[in-house]
Amino acid sequence: VQLQASGGGLVQAGDSLRLSCGASGRTFALYAMGWFRQAPGKEREFVTGISKSGGTVEADSVSGRFTISRDNAKNTVYLQMNSLKPEDTAVYYCAASSELQVPTVSWLYDYWGQGTQVTVSS
């Protein structure tokens, strides 16, 4: 599975942004998908994920602001980010996992996209 993330950019605090992650191959529907982010000088952290069946998990820091969704017909997972804050600034990565449930740790993901930069100015 090859993943391609897109949609990042420079926005102001309070704005919204939608990231997309397109996947190659016909097995996209068999993977749980996750979004991680990494800010400068910090470790990569779990943001949110969606299982094969559509169940979602999100980090407390984005709960109520970020929403993950998937369109299996388009082999794409989305991350809708609302009420963005400067602390959301990071490189955002999408990842695919063969786990049944959504993993919240990076080492349980099998495939990674290249990352897309999100910068939120105050």
PDB file of N, CA and C in Angstrom:
ATOM      1  N   VAL A   1       0.849  -1.194   0.000  1.00  0.00           N
ATOM      2  CA  VAL A   1       0.000   0.000   0.000  1.00  0.00           C
ATOM      3  C   VAL A   1       0.884   1.243   0.000  1.00  0.00           C
ATOM      4  N   GLN A   2       0.635   2.123  -0.924  1.00  0.00           N
ATOM      5  CA  GLN A   2       1.349   3.402  -0.956  1.00  0.00           C
ATOM      6  C   GLN A   2       0.369   4.502  -0.586  1.00  0.00           C
ATOM      7  N   LEU A   3       0.824   5.405   0.278  1.00  0.00           N
ATOM      8  CA  LEU A   3      -0.047   6.458   0.795  1.00  0.00           C
ATOM      9  C   LEU A   3       0.490   7.819   0.382  1.00  0.00           C
ATOM     10  N   GLN A   4      -0.418   8.713   0.032  1.00  0.00           N
ATOM     11  CA  GLN A   4      -0.044  10.057  -0.387  1.00  0.00           C
ATOM     12  C   GLN A   4      -0.927  11.054   0.344  1.00  0.00           C
ATOM     13  N   ALA A   5      -0.322  11.794   1.255  1.00  0.00           N
ATOM     14  CA  ALA A   5      -1.061  12.792   2.015  1.00  0.00           C
ATOM     15  C   ALA A   5      -0.996  14.148   1.310  1.00  0.00           C
ATOM     16  N   SER A   6      -2.067  14.905   1.439  1.00  0.00           N
ATOM     17  CA  SER A   6      -2.128  16.235   0.829  1.00  0.00           C
ATOM     18  C   SER A   6      -3.103  17.108   1.602  1.00  0.00           C
ATOM     19  N   GLY A   7      -3.086  18.407   1.300  1.00  0.00           N
ATOM     20  CA  GLY A   7      -4.047  19.315   1.887  1.00  0.00           C
ATOM     21  C   GLY A   7      -3.503  20.242   2.950  1.00  0.00           C
ATOM     22  N   GLY A   8      -2.240  20.091   3.296  1.00  0.00           N
ATOM     23  CA  GLY A   8      -1.669  20.948   4.312  1.00  0.00           C
ATOM     24  C   GLY A   8      -1.506  22.373   3.818  1.00  0.00           C
ATOM     25  N   GLY A   9      -1.181  23.266   4.735  1.00  0.00           N
ATOM     26  CA  GLY A   9      -0.978  24.645   4.359  1.00  0.00           C
ATOM     27  C   GLY A   9      -0.824  25.541   5.565  1.00  0.00           C
ATOM     28  N   LEU A  10      -0.819  26.841   5.288  1.00  0.00           N
ATOM     29  CA  LEU A  10      -0.692  27.865   6.331  1.00  0.00           C
ATOM     30  C   LEU A  10      -2.062  28.502   6.552  1.00  0.00           C
ATOM     31  N   VAL A  11      -2.543  28.417   7.785  1.00  0.00           N
ATOM     32  CA  VAL A  11      -3.845  28.985   8.123  1.00  0.00           C
ATOM     33  C   VAL A  11      -3.718  29.777   9.420  1.00  0.00           C
ATOM     34  N   GLN A  12      -4.762  30.517   9.733  1.00  0.00           N
ATOM     35  CA  GLN A  12      -4.787  31.276  10.978  1.00  0.00           C
ATOM     36  C   GLN A  12      -5.528  30.500  12.056  1.00  0.00           C
ATOM     37  N   ALA A  13      -5.248  30.825  13.283  1.00  0.00           N
ATOM     38  CA  ALA A  13      -5.939  30.193  14.407  1.00  0.00           C
ATOM     39  C   ALA A  13      -7.448  30.373  14.239  1.00  0.00           C
ATOM     40  N   GLY A  14      -8.170  29.281  14.479  1.00  0.00           N
ATOM     41  CA  GLY A  14      -9.615  29.290  14.327  1.00  0.00           C
ATOM     42  C   GLY A  14     -10.098  28.816  12.971  1.00  0.00           C
ATOM     43  N   ASP A  15      -9.198  28.743  12.015  1.00  0.00           N
ATOM     44  CA  ASP A  15      -9.562  28.290  10.665  1.00  0.00           C
ATOM     45  C   ASP A  15      -9.736  26.775  10.620  1.00  0.00           C
ATOM     46  N   SER A  16     -10.200  26.327   9.464  1.00  0.00           N
ATOM     47  CA  SER A  16     -10.363  24.888   9.225  1.00  0.00           C
ATOM     48  C   SER A  16      -9.492  24.460   8.059  1.00  0.00           C
ATOM     49  N   LEU A  17      -9.203  23.174   8.030  1.00  0.00           N
ATOM     50  CA  LEU A  17      -8.389  22.593   6.966  1.00  0.00           C
ATOM     51  C   LEU A  17      -8.777  21.128   6.843  1.00  0.00           C
ATOM     52  N   ARG A  18      -8.770  20.618   5.624  1.00  0.00           N
ATOM     53  CA  ARG A  18      -9.046  19.203   5.436  1.00  0.00           C
ATOM     54  C   ARG A  18      -7.869  18.529   4.751  1.00  0.00           C
ATOM     55  N   LEU A  19      -7.340  17.533   5.391  1.00  0.00           N
ATOM     56  CA  LEU A  19      -6.277  16.731   4.816  1.00  0.00           C
ATOM     57  C   LEU A  19      -6.875  15.490   4.154  1.00  0.00           C
ATOM     58  N   SER A  20      -6.204  15.058   3.104  1.00  0.00           N
ATOM     59  CA  SER A  20      -6.595  13.828   2.418  1.00  0.00           C
ATOM     60  C   SER A  20      -5.407  12.893   2.349  1.00  0.00           C
ATOM     61  N   CYS A  21      -5.707  11.626   2.304  1.00  0.00           N
ATOM     62  CA  CYS A  21      -4.659  10.616   2.154  1.00  0.00           C
ATOM     63  C   CYS A  21      -5.183   9.559   1.198  1.00  0.00           C
ATOM     64  N   GLY A  22      -4.607   9.545   0.010  1.00  0.00           N
ATOM     65  CA  GLY A  22      -4.992   8.568  -0.986  1.00  0.00           C
ATOM     66  C   GLY A  22      -4.107   7.341  -0.919  1.00  0.00           C
ATOM     67  N   ALA A  23      -4.705   6.197  -1.140  1.00  0.00           N
ATOM     68  CA  ALA A  23      -3.976   4.940  -1.063  1.00  0.00           C
ATOM     69  C   ALA A  23      -4.047   4.199  -2.383  1.00  0.00           C
ATOM     70  N   SER A  24      -2.949   3.567  -2.727  1.00  0.00           N
ATOM     71  CA  SER A  24      -2.930   2.719  -3.910  1.00  0.00           C
ATOM     72  C   SER A  24      -3.357   1.318  -3.531  1.00  0.00           C
ATOM     73  N   GLY A  25      -3.700   0.517  -4.492  1.00  0.00           N
ATOM     74  CA  GLY A  25      -4.043  -0.867  -4.219  1.00  0.00           C
ATOM     75  C   GLY A  25      -5.519  -1.068  -3.964  1.00  0.00           C
ATOM     76  N   ARG A  26      -5.922  -2.322  -4.043  1.00  0.00           N
ATOM     77  CA  ARG A  26      -7.330  -2.648  -3.904  1.00  0.00           C
ATOM     78  C   ARG A  26      -7.691  -3.138  -2.516  1.00  0.00           C
ATOM     79  N   THR A  27      -6.721  -3.058  -1.577  1.00  0.00           N
ATOM     80  CA  THR A  27      -6.968  -3.598  -0.244  1.00  0.00           C
ATOM     81  C   THR A  27      -7.141  -2.519   0.808  1.00  0.00           C
ATOM     82  N   PHE A  28      -7.368  -1.283   0.369  1.00  0.00           N
ATOM     83  CA  PHE A  28      -7.486  -0.163   1.308  1.00  0.00           C
ATOM     84  C   PHE A  28      -8.518  -0.452   2.380  1.00  0.00           C
ATOM     85  N   ALA A  29      -9.645  -1.035   1.998  1.00  0.00           N
ATOM     86  CA  ALA A  29     -10.740  -1.273   2.936  1.00  0.00           C
ATOM     87  C   ALA A  29     -10.364  -2.249   4.043  1.00  0.00           C
ATOM     88  N   LEU A  30      -9.285  -2.981   3.867  1.00  0.00           N
ATOM     89  CA  LEU A  30      -8.875  -3.978   4.856  1.00  0.00           C
ATOM     90  C   LEU A  30      -7.992  -3.390   5.952  1.00  0.00           C
ATOM     91  N   TYR A  31      -7.654  -2.119   5.838  1.00  0.00           N
ATOM     92  CA  TYR A  31      -6.735  -1.499   6.788  1.00  0.00           C
ATOM     93  C   TYR A  31      -7.440  -0.492   7.686  1.00  0.00           C
ATOM     94  N   ALA A  32      -7.014  -0.490   8.933  1.00  0.00           N
ATOM     95  CA  ALA A  32      -7.318   0.638   9.793  1.00  0.00           C
ATOM     96  C   ALA A  32      -6.388   1.777   9.379  1.00  0.00           C
ATOM     97  N   MET A  33      -6.906   2.995   9.433  1.00  0.00           N
ATOM     98  CA  MET A  33      -6.120   4.151   9.012  1.00  0.00           C
ATOM     99  C   MET A  33      -5.952   5.127  10.166  1.00  0.00           C
ATOM    100  N   GLY A  34      -4.791   5.721  10.224  1.00  0.00           N
ATOM    101  CA  GLY A  34      -4.523   6.660  11.298  1.00  0.00           C
ATOM    102  C   GLY A  34      -3.844   7.918  10.791  1.00  0.00           C
ATOM    103  N   TRP A  35      -3.988   8.963  11.571  1.00  0.00           N
ATOM    104  CA  TRP A  35      -3.253  10.211  11.341  1.00  0.00           C
ATOM    105  C   TRP A  35      -2.364  10.464  12.565  1.00  0.00           C
ATOM    106  N   PHE A  36      -1.123  10.757  12.292  1.00  0.00           N
ATOM    107  CA  PHE A  36      -0.161  11.141  13.322  1.00  0.00           C
ATOM    108  C   PHE A  36       0.371  12.524  12.966  1.00  0.00           C
ATOM    109  N   ARG A  37       1.020  13.157  13.919  1.00  0.00           N
ATOM    110  CA  ARG A  37       1.661  14.434  13.631  1.00  0.00           C
ATOM    111  C   ARG A  37       2.959  14.532  14.413  1.00  0.00           C
ATOM    112  N   GLN A  38       3.853  15.327  13.869  1.00  0.00           N
ATOM    113  CA  GLN A  38       5.142  15.535  14.527  1.00  0.00           C
ATOM    114  C   GLN A  38       5.523  16.994  14.408  1.00  0.00           C
ATOM    115  N   ALA A  39       5.624  17.636  15.551  1.00  0.00           N
ATOM    116  CA  ALA A  39       6.055  19.029  15.615  1.00  0.00           C
ATOM    117  C   ALA A  39       7.568  19.065  15.770  1.00  0.00           C
ATOM    118  N   PRO A  40       8.207  20.162  15.403  1.00  0.00           N
ATOM    119  CA  PRO A  40       9.666  20.262  15.521  1.00  0.00           C
ATOM    120  C   PRO A  40      10.137  19.999  16.949  1.00  0.00           C
ATOM    121  N   GLY A  41      11.109  19.109  17.082  1.00  0.00           N
ATOM    122  CA  GLY A  41      11.671  18.806  18.378  1.00  0.00           C
ATOM    123  C   GLY A  41      10.834  17.894  19.246  1.00  0.00           C
ATOM    124  N   LYS A  42       9.732  17.399  18.705  1.00  0.00           N
ATOM    125  CA  LYS A  42       8.846  16.528  19.473  1.00  0.00           C
ATOM    126  C   LYS A  42       8.711  15.174  18.803  1.00  0.00           C
ATOM    127  N   GLU A  43       8.244  14.199  19.578  1.00  0.00           N
ATOM    128  CA  GLU A  43       8.019  12.875  19.030  1.00  0.00           C
ATOM    129  C   GLU A  43       6.723  12.850  18.223  1.00  0.00           C
ATOM    130  N   ARG A  44       6.662  11.906  17.326  1.00  0.00           N
ATOM    131  CA  ARG A  44       5.438  11.717  16.554  1.00  0.00           C
ATOM    132  C   ARG A  44       4.329  11.257  17.484  1.00  0.00           C
ATOM    133  N   GLU A  45       3.164  11.848  17.341  1.00  0.00           N
ATOM    134  CA  GLU A  45       2.059  11.515  18.226  1.00  0.00           C
ATOM    135  C   GLU A  45       0.803  11.148  17.442  1.00  0.00           C
ATOM    136  N   PHE A  46       0.027  10.260  18.030  1.00  0.00           N
ATOM    137  CA  PHE A  46      -1.234   9.837  17.443  1.00  0.00           C
ATOM    138  C   PHE A  46      -2.238  10.978  17.519  1.00  0.00           C
ATOM    139  N   VAL A  47      -2.970  11.169  16.423  1.00  0.00           N
ATOM    140  CA  VAL A  47      -4.003  12.196  16.368  1.00  0.00           C
ATOM    141  C   VAL A  47      -5.388  11.548  16.378  1.00  0.00           C
ATOM    142  N   THR A  48      -5.625  10.712  15.395  1.00  0.00           N
ATOM    143  CA  THR A  48      -6.924  10.054  15.295  1.00  0.00           C
ATOM    144  C   THR A  48      -6.824   8.887  14.331  1.00  0.00           C
ATOM    145  N   GLY A  49      -7.762   7.968  14.426  1.00  0.00           N
ATOM    146  CA  GLY A  49      -7.748   6.819  13.534  1.00  0.00           C
ATOM    147  C   GLY A  49      -9.150   6.280  13.323  1.00  0.00           C
ATOM    148  N   ILE A  50      -9.274   5.468  12.262  1.00  0.00           N
ATOM    149  CA  ILE A  50     -10.567   4.888  11.924  1.00  0.00           C
ATOM    150  C   ILE A  50     -10.356   3.426  11.551  1.00  0.00           C
ATOM    151  N   SER A  51     -11.196   2.577  12.092  1.00  0.00           N
ATOM    152  CA  SER A  51     -11.060   1.145  11.839  1.00  0.00           C
ATOM    153  C   SER A  51     -11.677   0.779  10.487  1.00  0.00           C
ATOM    154  N   LYS A  52     -11.523  -0.484  10.123  1.00  0.00           N
ATOM    155  CA  LYS A  52     -12.113  -0.978   8.879  1.00  0.00           C
ATOM    156  C   LYS A  52     -13.635  -0.811   8.880  1.00  0.00           C
ATOM    157  N   SER A  53     -14.220  -0.955  10.056  1.00  0.00           N
ATOM    158  CA  SER A  53     -15.675  -0.883  10.177  1.00  0.00           C
ATOM    159  C   SER A  53     -16.187   0.528  10.406  1.00  0.00           C
ATOM    160  N   GLY A  54     -15.267   1.488  10.545  1.00  0.00           N
ATOM    161  CA  GLY A  54     -15.675   2.875  10.684  1.00  0.00           C
ATOM    162  C   GLY A  54     -15.623   3.432  12.094  1.00  0.00           C
ATOM    163  N   GLY A  55     -15.245   2.612  13.057  1.00  0.00           N
ATOM    164  CA  GLY A  55     -15.085   3.120  14.406  1.00  0.00           C
ATOM    165  C   GLY A  55     -13.899   4.058  14.501  1.00  0.00           C
ATOM    166  N   THR A  56     -14.035   5.098  15.298  1.00  0.00           N
ATOM    167  CA  THR A  56     -12.975   6.105  15.373  1.00  0.00           C
ATOM    168  C   THR A  56     -12.429   6.253  16.791  1.00  0.00           C
ATOM    169  N   VAL A  57     -11.200   6.695  16.850  1.00  0.00           N
ATOM    170  CA  VAL A  57     -10.505   6.991  18.100  1.00  0.00           C
ATOM    171  C   VAL A  57      -9.764   8.300  17.879  1.00  0.00           C
ATOM    172  N   GLU A  58      -9.742   9.162  18.872  1.00  0.00           N
ATOM    173  CA  GLU A  58      -8.984  10.395  18.720  1.00  0.00           C
ATOM    174  C   GLU A  58      -8.276  10.750  20.016  1.00  0.00           C
ATOM    175  N   ALA A  59      -7.227  11.516  19.889  1.00  0.00           N
ATOM    176  CA  ALA A  59      -6.498  12.011  21.039  1.00  0.00           C
ATOM    177  C   ALA A  59      -7.320  13.088  21.736  1.00  0.00           C
ATOM    178  N   ASP A  60      -7.130  13.205  23.024  1.00  0.00           N
ATOM    179  CA  ASP A  60      -7.876  14.203  23.793  1.00  0.00           C
ATOM    180  C   ASP A  60      -7.630  15.619  23.268  1.00  0.00           C
ATOM    181  N   SER A  61      -6.430  15.851  22.782  1.00  0.00           N
ATOM    182  CA  SER A  61      -6.063  17.201  22.349  1.00  0.00           C
ATOM    183  C   SER A  61      -6.845  17.666  21.123  1.00  0.00           C
ATOM    184  N   VAL A  62      -7.431  16.747  20.383  1.00  0.00           N
ATOM    185  CA  VAL A  62      -8.169  17.127  19.178  1.00  0.00           C
ATOM    186  C   VAL A  62      -9.637  16.753  19.255  1.00  0.00           C
ATOM    187  N   SER A  63     -10.050  16.143  20.333  1.00  0.00           N
ATOM    188  CA  SER A  63     -11.436  15.705  20.467  1.00  0.00           C
ATOM    189  C   SER A  63     -12.386  16.898  20.336  1.00  0.00           C
ATOM    190  N   GLY A  64     -13.407  16.714  19.507  1.00  0.00           N
ATOM    191  CA  GLY A  64     -14.371  17.782  19.281  1.00  0.00           C
ATOM    192  C   GLY A  64     -13.960  18.774  18.215  1.00  0.00           C
ATOM    193  N   ARG A  65     -12.719  18.706  17.745  1.00  0.00           N
ATOM    194  CA  ARG A  65     -12.237  19.631  16.716  1.00  0.00           C
ATOM    195  C   ARG A  65     -11.875  18.911  15.419  1.00  0.00           C
ATOM    196  N   PHE A  66     -11.299  17.734  15.525  1.00  0.00           N
ATOM    197  CA  PHE A  66     -10.847  16.975  14.362  1.00  0.00           C
ATOM    198  C   PHE A  66     -11.771  15.784  14.142  1.00  0.00           C
ATOM    199  N   THR A  67     -12.032  15.479  12.870  1.00  0.00           N
ATOM    200  CA  THR A  67     -12.865  14.338  12.517  1.00  0.00           C
ATOM    201  C   THR A  67     -12.214  13.555  11.398  1.00  0.00           C
ATOM    202  N   ILE A  68     -12.090  12.271  11.597  1.00  0.00           N
ATOM    203  CA  ILE A  68     -11.555  11.404  10.559  1.00  0.00           C
ATOM    204  C   ILE A  68     -12.700  10.678   9.877  1.00  0.00           C
ATOM    205  N   SER A  69     -12.547  10.468   8.578  1.00  0.00           N
ATOM    206  CA  SER A  69     -13.534   9.709   7.822  1.00  0.00           C
ATOM    207  C   SER A  69     -12.820   8.984   6.695  1.00  0.00           C
ATOM    208  N   ARG A  70     -13.494   8.015   6.115  1.00  0.00           N
ATOM    209  CA  ARG A  70     -12.881   7.279   5.017  1.00  0.00           C
ATOM    210  C   ARG A  70     -13.912   7.018   3.940  1.00  0.00           C
ATOM    211  N   ASP A  71     -13.421   6.971   2.716  1.00  0.00           N
ATOM    212  CA  ASP A  71     -14.243   6.631   1.561  1.00  0.00           C
ATOM    213  C   ASP A  71     -13.545   5.470   0.870  1.00  0.00           C
ATOM    214  N   ASN A  72     -14.010   4.271   1.136  1.00  0.00           N
ATOM    215  CA  ASN A  72     -13.345   3.086   0.590  1.00  0.00           C
ATOM    216  C   ASN A  72     -13.451   3.020  -0.936  1.00  0.00           C
ATOM    217  N   ALA A  73     -14.504   3.588  -1.488  1.00  0.00           N
ATOM    218  CA  ALA A  73     -14.655   3.587  -2.948  1.00  0.00           C
ATOM    219  C   ALA A  73     -13.574   4.443  -3.613  1.00  0.00           C
ATOM    220  N   LYS A  74     -13.103   5.444  -2.887  1.00  0.00           N
ATOM    221  CA  LYS A  74     -12.062   6.334  -3.413  1.00  0.00           C
ATOM    222  C   LYS A  74     -10.689   6.043  -2.832  1.00  0.00           C
ATOM    223  N   ASN A  75     -10.599   4.996  -1.998  1.00  0.00           N
ATOM    224  CA  ASN A  75      -9.317   4.662  -1.359  1.00  0.00           C
ATOM    225  C   ASN A  75      -8.713   5.873  -0.658  1.00  0.00           C
ATOM    226  N   THR A  76      -9.534   6.605   0.044  1.00  0.00           N
ATOM    227  CA  THR A  76      -9.084   7.851   0.651  1.00  0.00           C
ATOM    228  C   THR A  76      -9.584   7.976   2.086  1.00  0.00           C
ATOM    229  N   VAL A  77      -8.715   8.495   2.925  1.00  0.00           N
ATOM    230  CA  VAL A  77      -9.088   8.841   4.293  1.00  0.00           C
ATOM    231  C   VAL A  77      -8.896  10.349   4.443  1.00  0.00           C
ATOM    232  N   TYR A  78      -9.799  10.966   5.193  1.00  0.00           N
ATOM    233  CA  TYR A  78      -9.784  12.412   5.358  1.00  0.00           C
ATOM    234  C   TYR A  78      -9.599  12.786   6.823  1.00  0.00           C
ATOM    235  N   LEU A  79      -9.029  13.955   7.024  1.00  0.00           N
ATOM    236  CA  LEU A  79      -8.931  14.519   8.362  1.00  0.00           C
ATOM    237  C   LEU A  79      -9.458  15.948   8.290  1.00  0.00           C
ATOM    238  N   GLN A  80     -10.656  16.149   8.820  1.00  0.00           N
ATOM    239  CA  GLN A  80     -11.245  17.479   8.883  1.00  0.00           C
ATOM    240  C   GLN A  80     -10.803  18.125  10.194  1.00  0.00           C
ATOM    241  N   MET A  81     -10.116  19.247  10.082  1.00  0.00           N
ATOM    242  CA  MET A  81      -9.583  19.932  11.257  1.00  0.00           C
ATOM    243  C   MET A  81     -10.260  21.292  11.386  1.00  0.00           C
ATOM    244  N   ASN A  82     -10.979  21.471  12.464  1.00  0.00           N
ATOM    245  CA  ASN A  82     -11.666  22.728  12.735  1.00  0.00           C
ATOM    246  C   ASN A  82     -11.068  23.407  13.965  1.00  0.00           C
ATOM    247  N   SER A  83     -11.338  24.683  14.108  1.00  0.00           N
ATOM    248  CA  SER A  83     -10.862  25.450  15.273  1.00  0.00           C
ATOM    249  C   SER A  83      -9.382  25.211  15.520  1.00  0.00           C
ATOM    250  N   LEU A  84      -8.606  25.351  14.473  1.00  0.00           N
ATOM    251  CA  LEU A  84      -7.174  25.067  14.576  1.00  0.00           C
ATOM    252  C   LEU A  84      -6.481  26.021  15.524  1.00  0.00           C
ATOM    253  N   LYS A  85      -5.481  25.489  16.213  1.00  0.00           N
ATOM    254  CA  LYS A  85      -4.709  26.249  17.182  1.00  0.00           C
ATOM    255  C   LYS A  85      -3.237  26.249  16.766  1.00  0.00           C
ATOM    256  N   PRO A  86      -2.466  27.212  17.209  1.00  0.00           N
ATOM    257  CA  PRO A  86      -1.027  27.205  16.876  1.00  0.00           C
ATOM    258  C   PRO A  86      -0.331  25.909  17.302  1.00  0.00           C
ATOM    259  N   GLU A  87      -0.790  25.301  18.383  1.00  0.00           N
ATOM    260  CA  GLU A  87      -0.167  24.054  18.838  1.00  0.00           C
ATOM    261  C   GLU A  87      -0.488  22.863  17.951  1.00  0.00           C
ATOM    262  N   ASP A  88      -1.358  23.055  16.971  1.00  0.00           N
ATOM    263  CA  ASP A  88      -1.626  22.000  15.990  1.00  0.00           C
ATOM    264  C   ASP A  88      -0.593  22.001  14.864  1.00  0.00           C
ATOM    265  N   THR A  89       0.284  22.984  14.872  1.00  0.00           N
ATOM    266  CA  THR A  89       1.320  23.068  13.846  1.00  0.00           C
ATOM    267  C   THR A  89       2.232  21.849  13.904  1.00  0.00           C
ATOM    268  N   ALA A  90       2.349  21.168  12.778  1.00  0.00           N
ATOM    269  CA  ALA A  90       3.151  19.941  12.711  1.00  0.00           C
ATOM    270  C   ALA A  90       3.126  19.414  11.284  1.00  0.00           C
ATOM    271  N   VAL A  91       3.945  18.420  11.059  1.00  0.00           N
ATOM    272  CA  VAL A  91       3.826  17.620   9.839  1.00  0.00           C
ATOM    273  C   VAL A  91       2.853  16.489  10.161  1.00  0.00           C
ATOM    274  N   TYR A  92       1.857  16.340   9.330  1.00  0.00           N
ATOM    275  CA  TYR A  92       0.827  15.329   9.541  1.00  0.00           C
ATOM    276  C   TYR A  92       1.056  14.154   8.606  1.00  0.00           C
ATOM    277  N   TYR A  93       1.019  12.956   9.182  1.00  0.00           N
ATOM    278  CA  TYR A  93       1.253  11.722   8.437  1.00  0.00           C
ATOM    279  C   TYR A  93       0.024  10.826   8.502  1.00  0.00           C
ATOM    280  N   CYS A  94      -0.291  10.203   7.397  1.00  0.00           N
ATOM    281  CA  CYS A  94      -1.300   9.158   7.419  1.00  0.00           C
ATOM    282  C   CYS A  94      -0.591   7.803   7.403  1.00  0.00           C
ATOM    283  N   ALA A  95      -1.268   6.812   7.955  1.00  0.00           N
ATOM    284  CA  ALA A  95      -0.670   5.499   8.066  1.00  0.00           C
ATOM    285  C   ALA A  95      -1.746   4.427   7.999  1.00  0.00           C
ATOM    286  N   ALA A  96      -1.344   3.250   7.571  1.00  0.00           N
ATOM    287  CA  ALA A  96      -2.266   2.118   7.439  1.00  0.00           C
ATOM    288  C   ALA A  96      -1.798   0.969   8.312  1.00  0.00           C
ATOM    289  N   SER A  97      -2.757   0.349   8.988  1.00  0.00           N
ATOM    290  CA  SER A  97      -2.443  -0.750   9.882  1.00  0.00           C
ATOM    291  C   SER A  97      -3.346  -1.945   9.585  1.00  0.00           C
ATOM    292  N   SER A  98      -2.768  -3.136   9.666  1.00  0.00           N
ATOM    293  CA  SER A  98      -3.547  -4.354   9.474  1.00  0.00           C
ATOM    294  C   SER A  98      -4.202  -4.832  10.768  1.00  0.00           C
ATOM    295  N   GLU A  99      -4.031  -4.077  11.850  1.00  0.00           N
ATOM    296  CA  GLU A  99      -4.671  -4.417  13.115  1.00  0.00           C
ATOM    297  C   GLU A  99      -6.193  -4.323  13.002  1.00  0.00           C
ATOM    298  N   LEU A 100      -6.888  -5.127  13.781  1.00  0.00           N
ATOM    299  CA  LEU A 100      -8.352  -5.126  13.751  1.00  0.00           C
ATOM    300  C   LEU A 100      -8.902  -3.825  14.337  1.00  0.00           C
ATOM    301  N   GLN A 101      -8.306  -3.405  15.441  1.00  0.00           N
ATOM    302  CA  GLN A 101      -8.718  -2.145  16.063  1.00  0.00           C
ATOM    303  C   GLN A 101      -7.740  -1.045  15.662  1.00  0.00           C
ATOM    304  N   VAL A 102      -8.083   0.186  15.959  1.00  0.00           N
ATOM    305  CA  VAL A 102      -7.215   1.315  15.603  1.00  0.00           C
ATOM    306  C   VAL A 102      -6.050   1.396  16.586  1.00  0.00           C
ATOM    307  N   PRO A 103      -4.830   1.212  16.112  1.00  0.00           N
ATOM    308  CA  PRO A 103      -3.693   1.371  17.025  1.00  0.00           C
ATOM    309  C   PRO A 103      -3.431   2.844  17.302  1.00  0.00           C
ATOM    310  N   THR A 104      -2.966   3.137  18.488  1.00  0.00           N
ATOM    311  CA  THR A 104      -2.601   4.514  18.822  1.00  0.00           C
ATOM    312  C   THR A 104      -1.101   4.673  18.931  1.00  0.00           C
ATOM    313  N   VAL A 105      -0.365   3.624  18.592  1.00  0.00           N
ATOM    314  CA  VAL A 105       1.091   3.672  18.632  1.00  0.00           C
ATOM    315  C   VAL A 105       1.639   3.438  17.233  1.00  0.00           C
ATOM    316  N   SER A 106       2.700   4.136  16.903  1.00  0.00           N
ATOM    317  CA  SER A 106       3.188   4.149  15.531  1.00  0.00           C
ATOM    318  C   SER A 106       3.721   2.806  15.061  1.00  0.00           C
ATOM    319  N   TRP A 107       4.272   2.006  15.982  1.00  0.00           N
ATOM    320  CA  TRP A 107       4.924   0.778  15.543  1.00  0.00           C
ATOM    321  C   TRP A 107       3.937  -0.309  15.108  1.00  0.00           C
ATOM    322  N   LEU A 108       2.666  -0.071  15.280  1.00  0.00           N
ATOM    323  CA  LEU A 108       1.664  -1.027  14.819  1.00  0.00           C
ATOM    324  C   LEU A 108       1.100  -0.662  13.446  1.00  0.00           C
ATOM    325  N   TYR A 109       1.682   0.344  12.837  1.00  0.00           N
ATOM    326  CA  TYR A 109       1.272   0.727  11.491  1.00  0.00           C
ATOM    327  C   TYR A 109       2.275   0.184  10.486  1.00  0.00           C
ATOM    328  N   ASP A 110       1.763  -0.325   9.390  1.00  0.00           N
ATOM    329  CA  ASP A 110       2.590  -1.003   8.399  1.00  0.00           C
ATOM    330  C   ASP A 110       3.079  -0.081   7.292  1.00  0.00           C
ATOM    331  N   TYR A 111       2.277   0.894   6.946  1.00  0.00           N
ATOM    332  CA  TYR A 111       2.604   1.777   5.821  1.00  0.00           C
ATOM    333  C   TYR A 111       2.390   3.229   6.236  1.00  0.00           C
ATOM    334  N   TRP A 112       3.250   4.099   5.679  1.00  0.00           N
ATOM    335  CA  TRP A 112       3.203   5.519   6.014  1.00  0.00           C
ATOM    336  C   TRP A 112       3.234   6.370   4.757  1.00  0.00           C
ATOM    337  N   GLY A 113       2.507   7.473   4.820  1.00  0.00           N
ATOM    338  CA  GLY A 113       2.610   8.469   3.774  1.00  0.00           C
ATOM    339  C   GLY A 113       3.784   9.400   4.045  1.00  0.00           C
ATOM    340  N   GLN A 114       4.014  10.335   3.154  1.00  0.00           N
ATOM    341  CA  GLN A 114       5.199  11.180   3.219  1.00  0.00           C
ATOM    342  C   GLN A 114       5.023  12.387   4.130  1.00  0.00           C
ATOM    343  N   GLY A 115       3.818  12.707   4.559  1.00  0.00           N
ATOM    344  CA  GLY A 115       3.612  13.838   5.447  1.00  0.00           C
ATOM    345  C   GLY A 115       3.234  15.100   4.714  1.00  0.00           C
ATOM    346  N   THR A 116       2.427  15.917   5.356  1.00  0.00           N
ATOM    347  CA  THR A 116       2.040  17.208   4.803  1.00  0.00           C
ATOM    348  C   THR A 116       2.078  18.238   5.934  1.00  0.00           C
ATOM    349  N   GLN A 117       2.654  19.393   5.646  1.00  0.00           N
ATOM    350  CA  GLN A 117       2.882  20.410   6.674  1.00  0.00           C
ATOM    351  C   GLN A 117       1.616  21.215   6.934  1.00  0.00           C
ATOM    352  N   VAL A 118       1.283  21.343   8.197  1.00  0.00           N
ATOM    353  CA  VAL A 118       0.197  22.219   8.637  1.00  0.00           C
ATOM    354  C   VAL A 118       0.795  23.253   9.574  1.00  0.00           C
ATOM    355  N   THR A 119       0.600  24.512   9.241  1.00  0.00           N
ATOM    356  CA  THR A 119       1.113  25.602  10.067  1.00  0.00           C
ATOM    357  C   THR A 119      -0.048  26.517  10.436  1.00  0.00           C
ATOM    358  N   VAL A 120      -0.225  26.722  11.730  1.00  0.00           N
ATOM    359  CA  VAL A 120      -1.309  27.558  12.225  1.00  0.00           C
ATOM    360  C   VAL A 120      -0.708  28.783  12.895  1.00  0.00           C
ATOM    361  N   SER A 121      -0.994  29.938  12.349  1.00  0.00           N
ATOM    362  CA  SER A 121      -0.457  31.180  12.920  1.00  0.00           C
ATOM    363  C   SER A 121      -1.443  31.765  13.925  1.00  0.00           C
ATOM    364  N   SER A 122      -0.902  32.447  14.911  1.00  0.00           N
ATOM    365  CA  SER A 122      -1.745  33.022  15.971  1.00  0.00           C
ATOM    366  C   SER A 122      -2.232  34.408  15.593  1.00  0.00           C
TER     367      SER A 122
END
